[in-house]
Each structure stands twice: as C-alpha cells, then as structure tokens.
Amino acid sequence: MKSYSHGGIGIMGNKTLSTVAIGIAAVLLASGPALAQQKVKIGFITTLSGPQGVVGEYMRNSVELALDHLGRKMAGLDVEVIYGDDQVKPDVGKQVADEMLKKHQVDFVAGIIW
C-alpha cells in the first residue's frame, strides 16, 4: 500500500480513513445519475498552492489513500478524481468548479474548505 505523508508526518489514522471512505460512499449513493454510468467522476477542489497548500495536499492524499483502500471503486463503479486548486480565492474556486462541471462533467464536487 502506498504511503502518503508530508515532511515525514503521517496524515491519516484508521478513524480518519474510515470517515473519508464513509463520506465519499454517502455522496456516491446520493448521486443517482452517477450510478447509471460505468465510472463516477469526482471534482475535488482545495488549496494546492501557496502556504496553505499543505492542507490541500493532506486532503488530496486522504482521498487517494481512501480510494486505494477501496480498490479505486465505490458501489462497484470505477472512481476518477479530478483535482483543482482554488488558490484560496473564491473567484478562482468558482471558475474551477464551473470547469469541472462543464468541461469534465463531474458527477459532484467536493473538498472546498475555505
């Protein structure tokens, strides 16, 4: 299994991994149109640049770890995650969300924390 860390500090315990997995599964089950497809596309927006980028990297690593733990499948469907950087700017976050919905046609957007 891959190891996800930043600066030698582990980022997830079993409780956190379970929480992330349950959260993703709950959103998946609520997304009816996604279940009719062969793949679920998740748009994940967080801060990946600048001084606050370390928090976004932890979030991205948490998602990747949870998906690796689940075999990159949820409810039997393949999962694709598209990551976007909001640069801690609401207008950039909105642009990224619009792009994910229109260009990438994600089934849902998650991850925004600011």
Protein backbone atom coordinates (compact mmCIF):
# COMPACT_ATOMS: atom_id res chain seq x y z
CA MET A 1 0.00 0.00 0.00
CA LYS A 2 1.21 3.50 -0.80
CA SER A 3 2.36 5.80 1.97
CA TYR A 4 1.02 9.33 1.94
CA SER A 5 2.82 11.87 4.06
CA HIS A 6 4.22 15.35 4.05
CA GLY A 7 7.50 16.15 5.70
CA GLY A 8 7.64 12.76 7.39
CA ILE A 9 4.36 13.32 9.23
CA GLY A 10 1.70 10.66 8.67
CA ILE A 11 -1.61 12.15 7.60
CA MET A 12 -4.28 9.61 8.45
CA GLY A 13 -5.28 7.20 11.15
CA ASN A 14 -7.80 4.40 10.71
CA LYS A 15 -10.59 6.57 12.11
CA THR A 16 -9.89 9.34 9.59
CA LEU A 17 -9.62 6.86 6.73
CA SER A 18 -12.97 5.37 7.70
CA THR A 19 -14.54 8.81 7.93
CA VAL A 20 -13.29 9.79 4.46
CA ALA A 21 -14.43 6.49 2.94
CA ILE A 22 -17.88 6.73 4.54
CA GLY A 23 -18.25 10.33 3.40
CA ILE A 24 -17.36 9.51 -0.19
CA ALA A 25 -19.65 6.47 -0.16
CA ALA A 26 -22.56 8.52 1.20
CA VAL A 27 -22.20 11.12 -1.53
CA LEU A 28 -21.93 8.40 -4.16
CA LEU A 29 -25.11 6.73 -3.01
CA ALA A 30 -26.93 10.06 -3.16
CA SER A 31 -25.87 10.67 -6.77
CA GLY A 32 -28.43 8.73 -8.77
CA PRO A 33 -27.25 9.69 -12.29
CA ALA A 34 -23.72 8.60 -11.47
CA LEU A 35 -24.88 5.09 -10.67
CA ALA A 36 -26.16 4.65 -14.23
CA GLN A 37 -22.63 5.20 -15.56
CA GLN A 38 -19.63 2.89 -15.61
CA LYS A 39 -17.44 5.46 -13.87
CA VAL A 40 -18.02 8.08 -11.18
CA LYS A 41 -16.19 11.36 -11.70
CA ILE A 42 -15.49 13.43 -8.60
CA GLY A 43 -14.31 17.03 -8.80
CA PHE A 44 -12.21 17.80 -5.72
CA ILE A 45 -11.37 21.47 -5.14
CA THR A 46 -8.94 22.53 -2.45
CA THR A 47 -5.97 24.83 -1.96
CA LEU A 48 -2.94 23.19 -3.54
CA SER A 49 -0.65 26.21 -3.88
CA GLY A 50 0.87 28.81 -1.58
CA PRO A 51 1.48 28.46 2.15
CA GLN A 52 -1.96 26.91 2.74
CA GLY A 53 -1.28 24.29 0.06
CA VAL A 54 -0.04 21.84 2.68
CA VAL A 55 -3.64 21.45 3.94
CA GLY A 56 -4.84 20.76 0.40
CA GLU A 57 -2.09 18.21 -0.12
CA TYR A 58 -3.21 16.44 3.07
CA MET A 59 -6.78 16.42 1.74
CA ARG A 60 -5.72 15.08 -1.67
CA ASN A 61 -3.58 12.39 -0.01
CA SER A 62 -6.54 11.44 2.21
CA VAL A 63 -8.78 10.96 -0.81
CA GLU A 64 -6.13 8.94 -2.65
CA LEU A 65 -5.47 6.76 0.39
CA ALA A 66 -9.19 6.09 0.86
CA LEU A 67 -9.60 5.20 -2.82
CA ASP A 68 -6.55 2.93 -2.77
CA HIS A 69 -8.02 1.22 0.29
CA LEU A 70 -11.27 0.69 -1.64
CA GLY A 71 -9.55 -0.56 -4.80
CA ARG A 72 -10.45 2.72 -6.53
CA LYS A 73 -14.07 1.55 -6.69
CA MET A 74 -17.22 2.60 -4.91
CA ALA A 75 -20.51 0.74 -5.16
CA GLY A 76 -18.78 -1.43 -7.80
CA LEU A 77 -18.01 1.54 -10.05
CA ASP A 78 -14.60 2.87 -11.05
CA VAL A 79 -13.80 6.24 -9.48
CA GLU A 80 -11.93 9.08 -11.18
CA VAL A 81 -10.99 12.16 -9.18
CA ILE A 82 -10.14 15.44 -10.87
CA TYR A 83 -8.32 17.86 -8.57
CA GLY A 84 -8.48 21.63 -8.78
CA ASP A 85 -6.61 24.41 -6.97
CA ASP A 86 -8.73 27.28 -5.62
CA GLN A 87 -5.61 29.30 -4.70
CA VAL A 88 -7.54 30.49 -1.58
CA LYS A 89 -9.53 32.79 -3.89
CA PRO A 90 -13.32 32.44 -4.11
CA ASP A 91 -13.45 33.62 -7.73
CA VAL A 92 -10.81 31.05 -8.75
CA GLY A 93 -12.69 28.35 -6.82
CA LYS A 94 -15.87 29.22 -8.72
CA GLN A 95 -14.02 29.07 -12.05
CA VAL A 96 -12.55 25.68 -11.16
CA ALA A 97 -15.98 24.36 -10.11
CA ASP A 98 -17.57 25.63 -13.34
CA GLU A 99 -14.81 23.98 -15.39
CA MET A 100 -15.24 20.70 -13.56
CA LEU A 101 -18.98 20.68 -14.11
CA LYS A 102 -18.97 21.86 -17.75
CA LYS A 103 -15.68 20.61 -19.23
CA HIS A 104 -15.00 17.49 -17.16
CA GLN A 105 -18.69 16.73 -16.47
CA VAL A 106 -18.04 15.53 -12.93
CA ASP A 107 -20.91 13.90 -11.08
CA PHE A 108 -20.32 16.02 -8.00
CA VAL A 109 -17.85 18.47 -6.48
CA ALA A 110 -16.29 18.14 -3.02
CA GLY A 111 -13.38 19.37 -0.96
CA ILE A 112 -13.92 23.11 -0.67
CA ILE A 113 -12.80 24.23 2.79
CA TRP A 114 -12.30 28.00 2.68
